[in-house]
Amino acid sequence: MTDPDAPSRKEHTYREVQHWLVGNIPGTEISKGETLTEYIGSGPPLDTGLHRYVFLVYKQPSKLIFNEPYVTNKSPGNRTHFSIHKFAQKYNLGLPVAGNFYQAQYDDYVPLRYKQPTTT
């Protein structure tokens, strides 16, 4: 899951921001996959308009050994300037086999989300 609209659609200097990245998923059991980037929900900054949150699914040719930094949901480090396209090329994933997206914008819940404790 990525946000290609950070910090906004007009100025996307942080493109893309990773929100969730899981590989080596056996079948449909996402919880048994290898989490590379722990999930964080959407939380667009104030006055940045609509953000797209994109989910893409790739079929792996085989189990992969990733050399990506592990990113927890407690730290924003290593989330910005991500490219799902470059990631897919690096690991020979080909084109996505499925995808979906939603749009979100700042509302009164965003500051509350940032105050909530995260879990691992």
PDB file of N, CA and C in Angstrom:
ATOM      1  N   MET A   1       0.860  -1.170   0.000  1.00  0.00           N
ATOM      2  CA  MET A   1       0.000   0.000   0.000  1.00  0.00           C
ATOM      3  C   MET A   1       0.899   1.223   0.000  1.00  0.00           C
ATOM      4  N   THR A   2       0.657   2.122  -0.953  1.00  0.00           N
ATOM      5  CA  THR A   2       1.445   3.341  -1.026  1.00  0.00           C
ATOM      6  C   THR A   2       0.543   4.556  -1.200  1.00  0.00           C
ATOM      7  N   ASP A   3       1.100   5.720  -0.875  1.00  0.00           N
ATOM      8  CA  ASP A   3       0.460   7.007  -1.119  1.00  0.00           C
ATOM      9  C   ASP A   3       1.345   7.754  -2.112  1.00  0.00           C
ATOM     10  N   PRO A   4       0.915   7.864  -3.376  1.00  0.00           N
ATOM     11  CA  PRO A   4       1.726   8.570  -4.361  1.00  0.00           C
ATOM     12  C   PRO A   4       1.563  10.088  -4.303  1.00  0.00           C
ATOM     13  N   ASP A   5       0.752  10.571  -3.377  1.00  0.00           N
ATOM     14  CA  ASP A   5       0.392  11.996  -3.334  1.00  0.00           C
ATOM     15  C   ASP A   5       0.950  12.726  -2.120  1.00  0.00           C
ATOM     16  N   ALA A   6       2.173  12.419  -1.739  1.00  0.00           N
ATOM     17  CA  ALA A   6       2.726  13.044  -0.545  1.00  0.00           C
ATOM     18  C   ALA A   6       3.786  14.077  -0.913  1.00  0.00           C
ATOM     19  N   PRO A   7       3.744  15.248  -0.340  1.00  0.00           N
ATOM     20  CA  PRO A   7       2.762  15.686   0.656  1.00  0.00           C
ATOM     21  C   PRO A   7       1.414  16.087   0.064  1.00  0.00           C
ATOM     22  N   SER A   8       1.319  16.302  -1.265  1.00  0.00           N
ATOM     23  CA  SER A   8       0.024  16.587  -1.900  1.00  0.00           C
ATOM     24  C   SER A   8       0.122  16.201  -3.366  1.00  0.00           C
ATOM     25  N   ARG A   9      -1.003  16.219  -4.067  1.00  0.00           N
ATOM     26  CA  ARG A   9      -0.980  15.902  -5.501  1.00  0.00           C
ATOM     27  C   ARG A   9      -0.249  16.964  -6.296  1.00  0.00           C
ATOM     28  N   LYS A  10      -0.309  18.213  -5.849  1.00  0.00           N
ATOM     29  CA  LYS A  10       0.382  19.291  -6.561  1.00  0.00           C
ATOM     30  C   LYS A  10       1.884  19.265  -6.311  1.00  0.00           C
ATOM     31  N   GLU A  11       2.270  18.882  -5.108  1.00  0.00           N
ATOM     32  CA  GLU A  11       3.690  18.830  -4.735  1.00  0.00           C
ATOM     33  C   GLU A  11       3.962  17.451  -4.148  1.00  0.00           C
ATOM     34  N   HIS A  12       4.375  16.516  -4.979  1.00  0.00           N
ATOM     35  CA  HIS A  12       4.557  15.130  -4.534  1.00  0.00           C
ATOM     36  C   HIS A  12       6.034  14.781  -4.379  1.00  0.00           C
ATOM     37  N   THR A  13       6.733  15.593  -3.616  1.00  0.00           N
ATOM     38  CA  THR A  13       8.185  15.427  -3.437  1.00  0.00           C
ATOM     39  C   THR A  13       8.557  14.190  -2.622  1.00  0.00           C
ATOM     40  N   TYR A  14       7.613  13.631  -1.845  1.00  0.00           N
ATOM     41  CA  TYR A  14       7.912  12.430  -1.059  1.00  0.00           C
ATOM     42  C   TYR A  14       7.435  11.161  -1.760  1.00  0.00           C
ATOM     43  N   ARG A  15       6.923  11.293  -2.953  1.00  0.00           N
ATOM     44  CA  ARG A  15       6.351  10.172  -3.699  1.00  0.00           C
ATOM     45  C   ARG A  15       7.290   9.007  -3.688  1.00  0.00           C
ATOM     46  N   GLU A  16       6.865   7.859  -3.567  1.00  0.00           N
ATOM     47  CA  GLU A  16       5.657   7.378  -2.919  1.00  0.00           C
ATOM     48  C   GLU A  16       5.972   7.148  -1.450  1.00  0.00           C
ATOM     49  N   VAL A  17       4.935   7.172  -0.617  1.00  0.00           N
ATOM     50  CA  VAL A  17       5.110   6.839   0.795  1.00  0.00           C
ATOM     51  C   VAL A  17       4.581   5.423   1.013  1.00  0.00           C
ATOM     52  N   GLN A  18       5.425   4.577   1.597  1.00  0.00           N
ATOM     53  CA  GLN A  18       5.005   3.208   1.912  1.00  0.00           C
ATOM     54  C   GLN A  18       4.076   3.223   3.117  1.00  0.00           C
ATOM     55  N   HIS A  19       2.966   2.519   3.013  1.00  0.00           N
ATOM     56  CA  HIS A  19       2.073   2.342   4.152  1.00  0.00           C
ATOM     57  C   HIS A  19       2.038   0.889   4.606  1.00  0.00           C
ATOM     58  N   TRP A  20       2.386  -0.039   3.687  1.00  0.00           N
ATOM     59  CA  TRP A  20       2.365  -1.453   4.049  1.00  0.00           C
ATOM     60  C   TRP A  20       3.037  -2.237   2.935  1.00  0.00           C
ATOM     61  N   LEU A  21       3.912  -3.174   3.292  1.00  0.00           N
ATOM     62  CA  LEU A  21       4.586  -3.991   2.293  1.00  0.00           C
ATOM     63  C   LEU A  21       4.835  -5.378   2.870  1.00  0.00           C
ATOM     64  N   VAL A  22       4.263  -6.380   2.224  1.00  0.00           N
ATOM     65  CA  VAL A  22       4.380  -7.763   2.682  1.00  0.00           C
ATOM     66  C   VAL A  22       4.759  -8.634   1.483  1.00  0.00           C
ATOM     67  N   GLY A  23       5.739  -9.510   1.668  1.00  0.00           N
ATOM     68  CA  GLY A  23       6.137 -10.435   0.608  1.00  0.00           C
ATOM     69  C   GLY A  23       6.106 -11.863   1.096  1.00  0.00           C
ATOM     70  N   ASN A  24       6.377 -12.785   0.196  1.00  0.00           N
ATOM     71  CA  ASN A  24       6.402 -14.219   0.519  1.00  0.00           C
ATOM     72  C   ASN A  24       5.138 -14.678   1.245  1.00  0.00           C
ATOM     73  N   ILE A  25       4.000 -14.256   0.722  1.00  0.00           N
ATOM     74  CA  ILE A  25       2.712 -14.637   1.310  1.00  0.00           C
ATOM     75  C   ILE A  25       2.336 -16.022   0.793  1.00  0.00           C
ATOM     76  N   PRO A  26       2.151 -16.985   1.690  1.00  0.00           N
ATOM     77  CA  PRO A  26       1.741 -18.310   1.225  1.00  0.00           C
ATOM     78  C   PRO A  26       0.246 -18.333   0.899  1.00  0.00           C
ATOM     79  N   GLY A  27      -0.064 -18.441  -0.378  1.00  0.00           N
ATOM     80  CA  GLY A  27      -1.467 -18.470  -0.802  1.00  0.00           C
ATOM     81  C   GLY A  27      -2.161 -17.165  -0.477  1.00  0.00           C
ATOM     82  N   THR A  28      -3.219 -17.248   0.307  1.00  0.00           N
ATOM     83  CA  THR A  28      -3.983 -16.060   0.690  1.00  0.00           C
ATOM     84  C   THR A  28      -3.792 -15.689   2.157  1.00  0.00           C
ATOM     85  N   GLU A  29      -2.793 -16.272   2.805  1.00  0.00           N
ATOM     86  CA  GLU A  29      -2.580 -16.063   4.237  1.00  0.00           C
ATOM     87  C   GLU A  29      -1.602 -14.918   4.476  1.00  0.00           C
ATOM     88  N   ILE A  30      -2.107 -13.691   4.345  1.00  0.00           N
ATOM     89  CA  ILE A  30      -1.273 -12.499   4.458  1.00  0.00           C
ATOM     90  C   ILE A  30      -0.539 -12.463   5.799  1.00  0.00           C
ATOM     91  N   SER A  31      -1.197 -12.889   6.866  1.00  0.00           N
ATOM     92  CA  SER A  31      -0.566 -12.836   8.194  1.00  0.00           C
ATOM     93  C   SER A  31       0.661 -13.742   8.291  1.00  0.00           C
ATOM     94  N   LYS A  32       0.815 -14.688   7.384  1.00  0.00           N
ATOM     95  CA  LYS A  32       1.976 -15.586   7.399  1.00  0.00           C
ATOM     96  C   LYS A  32       3.068 -15.112   6.447  1.00  0.00           C
ATOM     97  N   GLY A  33       2.858 -13.959   5.805  1.00  0.00           N
ATOM     98  CA  GLY A  33       3.863 -13.408   4.909  1.00  0.00           C
ATOM     99  C   GLY A  33       4.969 -12.708   5.669  1.00  0.00           C
ATOM    100  N   GLU A  34       5.955 -12.263   4.937  1.00  0.00           N
ATOM    101  CA  GLU A  34       7.097 -11.548   5.509  1.00  0.00           C
ATOM    102  C   GLU A  34       6.826 -10.047   5.426  1.00  0.00           C
ATOM    103  N   THR A  35       6.582  -9.435   6.573  1.00  0.00           N
ATOM    104  CA  THR A  35       6.297  -8.004   6.607  1.00  0.00           C
ATOM    105  C   THR A  35       7.605  -7.227   6.490  1.00  0.00           C
ATOM    106  N   LEU A  36       7.673  -6.400   5.452  1.00  0.00           N
ATOM    107  CA  LEU A  36       8.836  -5.546   5.248  1.00  0.00           C
ATOM    108  C   LEU A  36       8.582  -4.144   5.786  1.00  0.00           C
ATOM    109  N   THR A  37       7.340  -3.691   5.637  1.00  0.00           N
ATOM    110  CA  THR A  37       6.920  -2.391   6.167  1.00  0.00           C
ATOM    111  C   THR A  37       5.604  -2.605   6.903  1.00  0.00           C
ATOM    112  N   GLU A  38       5.604  -2.352   8.205  1.00  0.00           N
ATOM    113  CA  GLU A  38       4.383  -2.522   8.987  1.00  0.00           C
ATOM    114  C   GLU A  38       3.339  -1.498   8.580  1.00  0.00           C
ATOM    115  N   TYR A  39       2.088  -1.888   8.699  1.00  0.00           N
ATOM    116  CA  TYR A  39       0.949  -1.072   8.269  1.00  0.00           C
ATOM    117  C   TYR A  39       0.800   0.198   9.101  1.00  0.00           C
ATOM    118  N   ILE A  40       0.580   1.294   8.410  1.00  0.00           N
ATOM    119  CA  ILE A  40       0.059   2.510   9.033  1.00  0.00           C
ATOM    120  C   ILE A  40      -1.094   2.980   8.164  1.00  0.00           C
ATOM    121  N   GLY A  41      -2.145   3.438   8.795  1.00  0.00           N
ATOM    122  CA  GLY A  41      -3.314   3.896   8.063  1.00  0.00           C
ATOM    123  C   GLY A  41      -3.101   5.255   7.423  1.00  0.00           C
ATOM    124  N   SER A  42      -4.089   5.663   6.667  1.00  0.00           N
ATOM    125  CA  SER A  42      -4.002   6.954   5.991  1.00  0.00           C
ATOM    126  C   SER A  42      -4.169   8.086   6.995  1.00  0.00           C
ATOM    127  N   GLY A  43      -3.489   9.185   6.722  1.00  0.00           N
ATOM    128  CA  GLY A  43      -3.560  10.369   7.579  1.00  0.00           C
ATOM    129  C   GLY A  43      -3.031  11.579   6.834  1.00  0.00           C
ATOM    130  N   PRO A  44      -3.727  11.991   5.777  1.00  0.00           N
ATOM    131  CA  PRO A  44      -3.230  13.126   4.985  1.00  0.00           C
ATOM    132  C   PRO A  44      -3.111  14.399   5.815  1.00  0.00           C
ATOM    133  N   PRO A  45      -2.033  15.150   5.618  1.00  0.00           N
ATOM    134  CA  PRO A  45      -1.866  16.411   6.345  1.00  0.00           C
ATOM    135  C   PRO A  45      -2.944  17.437   5.975  1.00  0.00           C
ATOM    136  N   LEU A  46      -3.146  18.376   6.853  1.00  0.00           N
ATOM    137  CA  LEU A  46      -4.114  19.455   6.661  1.00  0.00           C
ATOM    138  C   LEU A  46      -3.808  20.228   5.384  1.00  0.00           C
ATOM    139  N   ASP A  47      -4.851  20.583   4.653  1.00  0.00           N
ATOM    140  CA  ASP A  47      -4.763  21.411   3.445  1.00  0.00           C
ATOM    141  C   ASP A  47      -3.944  20.791   2.317  1.00  0.00           C
ATOM    142  N   THR A  48      -3.917  19.470   2.230  1.00  0.00           N
ATOM    143  CA  THR A  48      -3.198  18.829   1.125  1.00  0.00           C
ATOM    144  C   THR A  48      -4.144  18.128   0.152  1.00  0.00           C
ATOM    145  N   GLY A  49      -5.439  18.279   0.358  1.00  0.00           N
ATOM    146  CA  GLY A  49      -6.406  17.705  -0.573  1.00  0.00           C
ATOM    147  C   GLY A  49      -6.499  16.195  -0.483  1.00  0.00           C
ATOM    148  N   LEU A  50      -7.076  15.619  -1.535  1.00  0.00           N
ATOM    149  CA  LEU A  50      -7.256  14.172  -1.590  1.00  0.00           C
ATOM    150  C   LEU A  50      -5.928  13.474  -1.862  1.00  0.00           C
ATOM    151  N   HIS A  51      -5.734  12.356  -1.180  1.00  0.00           N
ATOM    152  CA  HIS A  51      -4.599  11.476  -1.410  1.00  0.00           C
ATOM    153  C   HIS A  51      -5.137  10.130  -1.881  1.00  0.00           C
ATOM    154  N   ARG A  52      -4.444   9.516  -2.816  1.00  0.00           N
ATOM    155  CA  ARG A  52      -4.791   8.159  -3.255  1.00  0.00           C
ATOM    156  C   ARG A  52      -3.969   7.170  -2.435  1.00  0.00           C
ATOM    157  N   TYR A  53      -4.605   6.132  -1.944  1.00  0.00           N
ATOM    158  CA  TYR A  53      -3.941   5.045  -1.238  1.00  0.00           C
ATOM    159  C   TYR A  53      -4.130   3.805  -2.099  1.00  0.00           C
ATOM    160  N   VAL A  54      -3.015   3.291  -2.610  1.00  0.00           N
ATOM    161  CA  VAL A  54      -3.037   2.274  -3.652  1.00  0.00           C
ATOM    162  C   VAL A  54      -2.551   0.934  -3.103  1.00  0.00           C
ATOM    163  N   PHE A  55      -3.338  -0.107  -3.342  1.00  0.00           N
ATOM    164  CA  PHE A  55      -2.961  -1.475  -3.005  1.00  0.00           C
ATOM    165  C   PHE A  55      -2.642  -2.201  -4.307  1.00  0.00           C
ATOM    166  N   LEU A  56      -1.476  -2.822  -4.382  1.00  0.00           N
ATOM    167  CA  LEU A  56      -1.117  -3.628  -5.542  1.00  0.00           C
ATOM    168  C   LEU A  56      -0.699  -5.014  -5.079  1.00  0.00           C
ATOM    169  N   VAL A  57      -1.057  -6.017  -5.877  1.00  0.00           N
ATOM    170  CA  VAL A  57      -0.714  -7.408  -5.586  1.00  0.00           C
ATOM    171  C   VAL A  57       0.081  -7.949  -6.772  1.00  0.00           C
ATOM    172  N   TYR A  58       1.206  -8.574  -6.459  1.00  0.00           N
ATOM    173  CA  TYR A  58       2.063  -9.182  -7.472  1.00  0.00           C
ATOM    174  C   TYR A  58       2.173 -10.676  -7.200  1.00  0.00           C
ATOM    175  N   LYS A  59       2.300 -11.450  -8.258  1.00  0.00           N
ATOM    176  CA  LYS A  59       2.555 -12.878  -8.099  1.00  0.00           C
ATOM    177  C   LYS A  59       4.063 -13.078  -8.131  1.00  0.00           C
ATOM    178  N   GLN A  60       4.598 -13.624  -7.048  1.00  0.00           N
ATOM    179  CA  GLN A  60       6.028 -13.866  -6.980  1.00  0.00           C
ATOM    180  C   GLN A  60       6.377 -15.123  -7.766  1.00  0.00           C
ATOM    181  N   PRO A  61       7.510 -15.110  -8.466  1.00  0.00           N
ATOM    182  CA  PRO A  61       7.919 -16.305  -9.207  1.00  0.00           C
ATOM    183  C   PRO A  61       8.332 -17.448  -8.263  1.00  0.00           C
ATOM    184  N   SER A  62       8.790 -17.105  -7.078  1.00  0.00           N
ATOM    185  CA  SER A  62       9.207 -18.073  -6.060  1.00  0.00           C
ATOM    186  C   SER A  62       9.413 -17.300  -4.764  1.00  0.00           C
ATOM    187  N   LYS A  63       9.770 -18.010  -3.695  1.00  0.00           N
ATOM    188  CA  LYS A  63      10.074 -17.322  -2.448  1.00  0.00           C
ATOM    189  C   LYS A  63      11.300 -16.449  -2.671  1.00  0.00           C
ATOM    190  N   LEU A  64      11.246 -15.219  -2.172  1.00  0.00           N
ATOM    191  CA  LEU A  64      12.309 -14.259  -2.404  1.00  0.00           C
ATOM    192  C   LEU A  64      13.073 -13.955  -1.118  1.00  0.00           C
ATOM    193  N   ILE A  65      14.304 -13.554  -1.279  1.00  0.00           N
ATOM    194  CA  ILE A  65      15.109 -13.046  -0.173  1.00  0.00           C
ATOM    195  C   ILE A  65      15.198 -11.544  -0.379  1.00  0.00           C
ATOM    196  N   PHE A  66      14.576 -10.792   0.515  1.00  0.00           N
ATOM    197  CA  PHE A  66      14.527  -9.340   0.396  1.00  0.00           C
ATOM    198  C   PHE A  66      15.702  -8.707   1.131  1.00  0.00           C
ATOM    199  N   ASN A  67      16.258  -7.672   0.548  1.00  0.00           N
ATOM    200  CA  ASN A  67      17.303  -6.919   1.248  1.00  0.00           C
ATOM    201  C   ASN A  67      16.839  -5.476   1.444  1.00  0.00           C
ATOM    202  N   GLU A  68      15.609  -5.339   1.881  1.00  0.00           N
ATOM    203  CA  GLU A  68      15.009  -4.037   2.153  1.00  0.00           C
ATOM    204  C   GLU A  68      15.085  -3.756   3.643  1.00  0.00           C
ATOM    205  N   PRO A  69      15.169  -2.483   4.028  1.00  0.00           N
ATOM    206  CA  PRO A  69      15.138  -2.174   5.465  1.00  0.00           C
ATOM    207  C   PRO A  69      13.761  -2.473   6.045  1.00  0.00           C
ATOM    208  N   TYR A  70      13.741  -3.073   7.220  1.00  0.00           N
ATOM    209  CA  TYR A  70      12.477  -3.339   7.918  1.00  0.00           C
ATOM    210  C   TYR A  70      11.979  -2.024   8.510  1.00  0.00           C
ATOM    211  N   VAL A  71      10.713  -1.705   8.270  1.00  0.00           N
ATOM    212  CA  VAL A  71      10.144  -0.447   8.744  1.00  0.00           C
ATOM    213  C   VAL A  71       8.995  -0.767   9.697  1.00  0.00           C
ATOM    214  N   THR A  72       9.118  -0.305  10.937  1.00  0.00           N
ATOM    215  CA  THR A  72       8.059  -0.542  11.919  1.00  0.00           C
ATOM    216  C   THR A  72       6.968   0.524  11.776  1.00  0.00           C
ATOM    217  N   ASN A  73       5.858   0.286  12.443  1.00  0.00           N
ATOM    218  CA  ASN A  73       4.783   1.279  12.430  1.00  0.00           C
ATOM    219  C   ASN A  73       4.992   2.358  13.487  1.00  0.00           C
ATOM    220  N   LYS A  74       6.122   2.321  14.167  1.00  0.00           N
ATOM    221  CA  LYS A  74       6.435   3.322  15.179  1.00  0.00           C
ATOM    222  C   LYS A  74       7.398   4.377  14.672  1.00  0.00           C
ATOM    223  N   SER A  75       7.859   4.227  13.438  1.00  0.00           N
ATOM    224  CA  SER A  75       8.847   5.147  12.901  1.00  0.00           C
ATOM    225  C   SER A  75       8.510   5.498  11.463  1.00  0.00           C
ATOM    226  N   PRO A  76       8.621   6.780  11.103  1.00  0.00           N
ATOM    227  CA  PRO A  76       8.378   7.165   9.719  1.00  0.00           C
ATOM    228  C   PRO A  76       9.575   6.896   8.815  1.00  0.00           C
ATOM    229  N   GLY A  77      10.690   6.488   9.375  1.00  0.00           N
ATOM    230  CA  GLY A  77      11.912   6.279   8.594  1.00  0.00           C
ATOM    231  C   GLY A  77      11.743   5.289   7.467  1.00  0.00           C
ATOM    232  N   ASN A  78      12.417   5.536   6.357  1.00  0.00           N
ATOM    233  CA  ASN A  78      12.429   4.675   5.179  1.00  0.00           C
ATOM    234  C   ASN A  78      11.065   4.484   4.522  1.00  0.00           C
ATOM    235  N   ARG A  79      10.134   5.374   4.749  1.00  0.00           N
ATOM    236  CA  ARG A  79       8.819   5.267   4.108  1.00  0.00           C
ATOM    237  C   ARG A  79       8.694   6.141   2.863  1.00  0.00           C
ATOM    238  N   THR A  80       9.382   7.286   2.842  1.00  0.00           N
ATOM    239  CA  THR A  80       9.220   8.214   1.720  1.00  0.00           C
ATOM    240  C   THR A  80      10.166   7.864   0.575  1.00  0.00           C
ATOM    241  N   HIS A  81       9.883   8.432  -0.576  1.00  0.00           N
ATOM    242  CA  HIS A  81      10.683   8.244  -1.796  1.00  0.00           C
ATOM    243  C   HIS A  81      10.755   6.782  -2.220  1.00  0.00           C
ATOM    244  N   PHE A  82       9.722   6.033  -1.920  1.00  0.00           N
ATOM    245  CA  PHE A  82       9.622   4.635  -2.319  1.00  0.00           C
ATOM    246  C   PHE A  82       9.064   4.576  -3.736  1.00  0.00           C
ATOM    247  N   SER A  83       9.417   3.554  -4.482  1.00  0.00           N
ATOM    248  CA  SER A  83       8.854   3.329  -5.807  1.00  0.00           C
ATOM    249  C   SER A  83       8.453   1.868  -5.926  1.00  0.00           C
ATOM    250  N   ILE A  84       7.147   1.618  -5.953  1.00  0.00           N
ATOM    251  CA  ILE A  84       6.685   0.237  -6.105  1.00  0.00           C
ATOM    252  C   ILE A  84       7.127  -0.308  -7.458  1.00  0.00           C
ATOM    253  N   HIS A  85       7.212   0.553  -8.459  1.00  0.00           N
ATOM    254  CA  HIS A  85       7.664   0.128  -9.788  1.00  0.00           C
ATOM    255  C   HIS A  85       9.115  -0.381  -9.720  1.00  0.00           C
ATOM    256  N   LYS A  86       9.987   0.371  -9.063  1.00  0.00           N
ATOM    257  CA  LYS A  86      11.390  -0.046  -8.931  1.00  0.00           C
ATOM    258  C   LYS A  86      11.515  -1.305  -8.063  1.00  0.00           C
ATOM    259  N   PHE A  87      10.703  -1.397  -7.015  1.00  0.00           N
ATOM    260  CA  PHE A  87      10.702  -2.577  -6.160  1.00  0.00           C
ATOM    261  C   PHE A  87      10.318  -3.809  -6.979  1.00  0.00           C
ATOM    262  N   ALA A  88       9.266  -3.698  -7.781  1.00  0.00           N
ATOM    263  CA  ALA A  88       8.812  -4.819  -8.613  1.00  0.00           C
ATOM    264  C   ALA A  88       9.880  -5.211  -9.633  1.00  0.00           C
ATOM    265  N   GLN A  89      10.548  -4.234 -10.209  1.00  0.00           N
ATOM    266  CA  GLN A  89      11.626  -4.530 -11.165  1.00  0.00           C
ATOM    267  C   GLN A  89      12.788  -5.240 -10.469  1.00  0.00           C
ATOM    268  N   LYS A  90      13.172  -4.739  -9.308  1.00  0.00           N
ATOM    269  CA  LYS A  90      14.304  -5.307  -8.568  1.00  0.00           C
ATOM    270  C   LYS A  90      14.111  -6.790  -8.276  1.00  0.00           C
ATOM    271  N   TYR A  91      12.858  -7.175  -7.954  1.00  0.00           N
ATOM    272  CA  TYR A  91      12.572  -8.552  -7.583  1.00  0.00           C
ATOM    273  C   TYR A  91      11.882  -9.342  -8.700  1.00  0.00           C
ATOM    274  N   ASN A  92      11.925  -8.817  -9.932  1.00  0.00           N
ATOM    275  CA  ASN A  92      11.356  -9.503 -11.104  1.00  0.00           C
ATOM    276  C   ASN A  92       9.911  -9.943 -10.892  1.00  0.00           C
ATOM    277  N   LEU A  93       9.092  -9.032 -10.396  1.00  0.00           N
ATOM    278  CA  LEU A  93       7.703  -9.364 -10.105  1.00  0.00           C
ATOM    279  C   LEU A  93       6.774  -9.185 -11.300  1.00  0.00           C
ATOM    280  N   GLY A  94       7.224  -8.504 -12.331  1.00  0.00           N
ATOM    281  CA  GLY A  94       6.348  -8.280 -13.480  1.00  0.00           C
ATOM    282  C   GLY A  94       5.297  -7.244 -13.166  1.00  0.00           C
ATOM    283  N   LEU A  95       4.164  -7.369 -13.832  1.00  0.00           N
ATOM    284  CA  LEU A  95       3.059  -6.431 -13.629  1.00  0.00           C
ATOM    285  C   LEU A  95       2.159  -6.896 -12.492  1.00  0.00           C
ATOM    286  N   PRO A  96       1.445  -5.962 -11.847  1.00  0.00           N
ATOM    287  CA  PRO A  96       0.508  -6.369 -10.794  1.00  0.00           C
ATOM    288  C   PRO A  96      -0.573  -7.298 -11.352  1.00  0.00           C
ATOM    289  N   VAL A  97      -1.039  -8.222 -10.527  1.00  0.00           N
ATOM    290  CA  VAL A  97      -2.138  -9.109 -10.916  1.00  0.00           C
ATOM    291  C   VAL A  97      -3.462  -8.634 -10.333  1.00  0.00           C
ATOM    292  N   ALA A  98      -3.406  -7.703  -9.391  1.00  0.00           N
ATOM    293  CA  ALA A  98      -4.613  -7.136  -8.798  1.00  0.00           C
ATOM    294  C   ALA A  98      -4.263  -5.804  -8.152  1.00  0.00           C
ATOM    295  N   GLY A  99      -5.268  -4.992  -7.963  1.00  0.00           N
ATOM    296  CA  GLY A  99      -5.057  -3.711  -7.318  1.00  0.00           C
ATOM    297  C   GLY A  99      -6.361  -3.057  -6.941  1.00  0.00           C
ATOM    298  N   ASN A 100      -6.258  -2.084  -6.074  1.00  0.00           N
ATOM    299  CA  ASN A 100      -7.410  -1.301  -5.656  1.00  0.00           C
ATOM    300  C   ASN A 100      -6.874  -0.017  -5.038  1.00  0.00           C
ATOM    301  N   PHE A 101      -7.753   0.947  -4.851  1.00  0.00           N
ATOM    302  CA  PHE A 101      -7.334   2.171  -4.193  1.00  0.00           C
ATOM    303  C   PHE A 101      -8.535   2.836  -3.559  1.00  0.00           C
ATOM    304  N   TYR A 102      -8.253   3.755  -2.662  1.00  0.00           N
ATOM    305  CA  TYR A 102      -9.277   4.639  -2.116  1.00  0.00           C
ATOM    306  C   TYR A 102      -8.657   6.008  -1.970  1.00  0.00           C
ATOM    307  N   GLN A 103      -9.494   7.008  -1.805  1.00  0.00           N
ATOM    308  CA  GLN A 103      -9.023   8.370  -1.597  1.00  0.00           C
ATOM    309  C   GLN A 103      -9.414   8.822  -0.199  1.00  0.00           C
ATOM    310  N   ALA A 104      -8.544   9.624   0.394  1.00  0.00           N
ATOM    311  CA  ALA A 104      -8.826  10.166   1.726  1.00  0.00           C
ATOM    312  C   ALA A 104      -8.235  11.567   1.795  1.00  0.00           C
ATOM    313  N   GLN A 105      -8.807  12.360   2.665  1.00  0.00           N
ATOM    314  CA  GLN A 105      -8.259  13.689   2.914  1.00  0.00           C
ATOM    315  C   GLN A 105      -8.325  13.971   4.404  1.00  0.00           C
ATOM    316  N   TYR A 106      -7.646  15.022   4.798  1.00  0.00           N
ATOM    317  CA  TYR A 106      -7.593  15.395   6.209  1.00  0.00           C
ATOM    318  C   TYR A 106      -9.007  15.584   6.761  1.00  0.00           C
ATOM    319  N   ASP A 107      -9.222  15.087   7.975  1.00  0.00           N
ATOM    320  CA  ASP A 107     -10.436  15.380   8.729  1.00  0.00           C
ATOM    321  C   ASP A 107     -10.065  15.396  10.204  1.00  0.00           C
ATOM    322  N   ASP A 108     -11.037  15.569  11.078  1.00  0.00           N
ATOM    323  CA  ASP A 108     -10.765  15.700  12.510  1.00  0.00           C
ATOM    324  C   ASP A 108     -10.172  14.440  13.140  1.00  0.00           C
ATOM    325  N   TYR A 109     -10.254  13.311  12.446  1.00  0.00           N
ATOM    326  CA  TYR A 109      -9.704  12.076  12.982  1.00  0.00           C
ATOM    327  C   TYR A 109      -8.180  11.999  12.840  1.00  0.00           C
ATOM    328  N   VAL A 110      -7.613  12.676  11.857  1.00  0.00           N
ATOM    329  CA  VAL A 110      -6.177  12.549  11.581  1.00  0.00           C
ATOM    330  C   VAL A 110      -5.316  12.844  12.819  1.00  0.00           C
ATOM    331  N   PRO A 111      -5.520  13.957  13.540  1.00  0.00           N
ATOM    332  CA  PRO A 111      -4.686  14.185  14.739  1.00  0.00           C
ATOM    333  C   PRO A 111      -4.859  13.087  15.789  1.00  0.00           C
ATOM    334  N   LEU A 112      -6.052  12.524  15.906  1.00  0.00           N
ATOM    335  CA  LEU A 112      -6.281  11.433  16.860  1.00  0.00           C
ATOM    336  C   LEU A 112      -5.517  10.176  16.443  1.00  0.00           C
ATOM    337  N   ARG A 113      -5.470   9.899  15.141  1.00  0.00           N
ATOM    338  CA  ARG A 113      -4.752   8.727  14.649  1.00  0.00           C
ATOM    339  C   ARG A 113      -3.279   8.812  15.003  1.00  0.00           C
ATOM    340  N   TYR A 114      -2.702  10.005  14.873  1.00  0.00           N
ATOM    341  CA  TYR A 114      -1.282  10.155  15.182  1.00  0.00           C
ATOM    342  C   TYR A 114      -0.994  10.044  16.678  1.00  0.00           C
ATOM    343  N   LYS A 115      -1.990  10.255  17.519  1.00  0.00           N
ATOM    344  CA  LYS A 115      -1.801  10.127  18.971  1.00  0.00           C
ATOM    345  C   LYS A 115      -2.003   8.697  19.459  1.00  0.00           C
ATOM    346  N   GLN A 116      -2.657   7.855  18.648  1.00  0.00           N
ATOM    347  CA  GLN A 116      -2.947   6.492  19.076  1.00  0.00           C
ATOM    348  C   GLN A 116      -1.681   5.666  19.183  1.00  0.00           C
ATOM    349  N   PRO A 117      -1.593   4.830  20.214  1.00  0.00           N
ATOM    350  CA  PRO A 117      -0.426   3.949  20.293  1.00  0.00           C
ATOM    351  C   PRO A 117      -0.480   2.945  19.148  1.00  0.00           C
ATOM    352  N   THR A 118       0.681   2.576  18.637  1.00  0.00           N
ATOM    353  CA  THR A 118       0.738   1.598  17.571  1.00  0.00           C
ATOM    354  C   THR A 118       1.095   0.241  18.153  1.00  0.00           C
ATOM    355  N   THR A 119       0.809  -0.788  17.407  1.00  0.00           N
ATOM    356  CA  THR A 119       1.141  -2.140  17.840  1.00  0.00           C
ATOM    357  C   THR A 119       2.044  -2.769  16.799  1.00  0.00           C
ATOM    358  N   THR A 120       2.769  -3.765  17.215  1.00  0.00           N
ATOM    359  CA  THR A 120       3.639  -4.473  16.277  1.00  0.00           C
ATOM    360  C   THR A 120       3.103  -5.834  15.979  1.00  0.00           C
TER     361      THR A 120
END
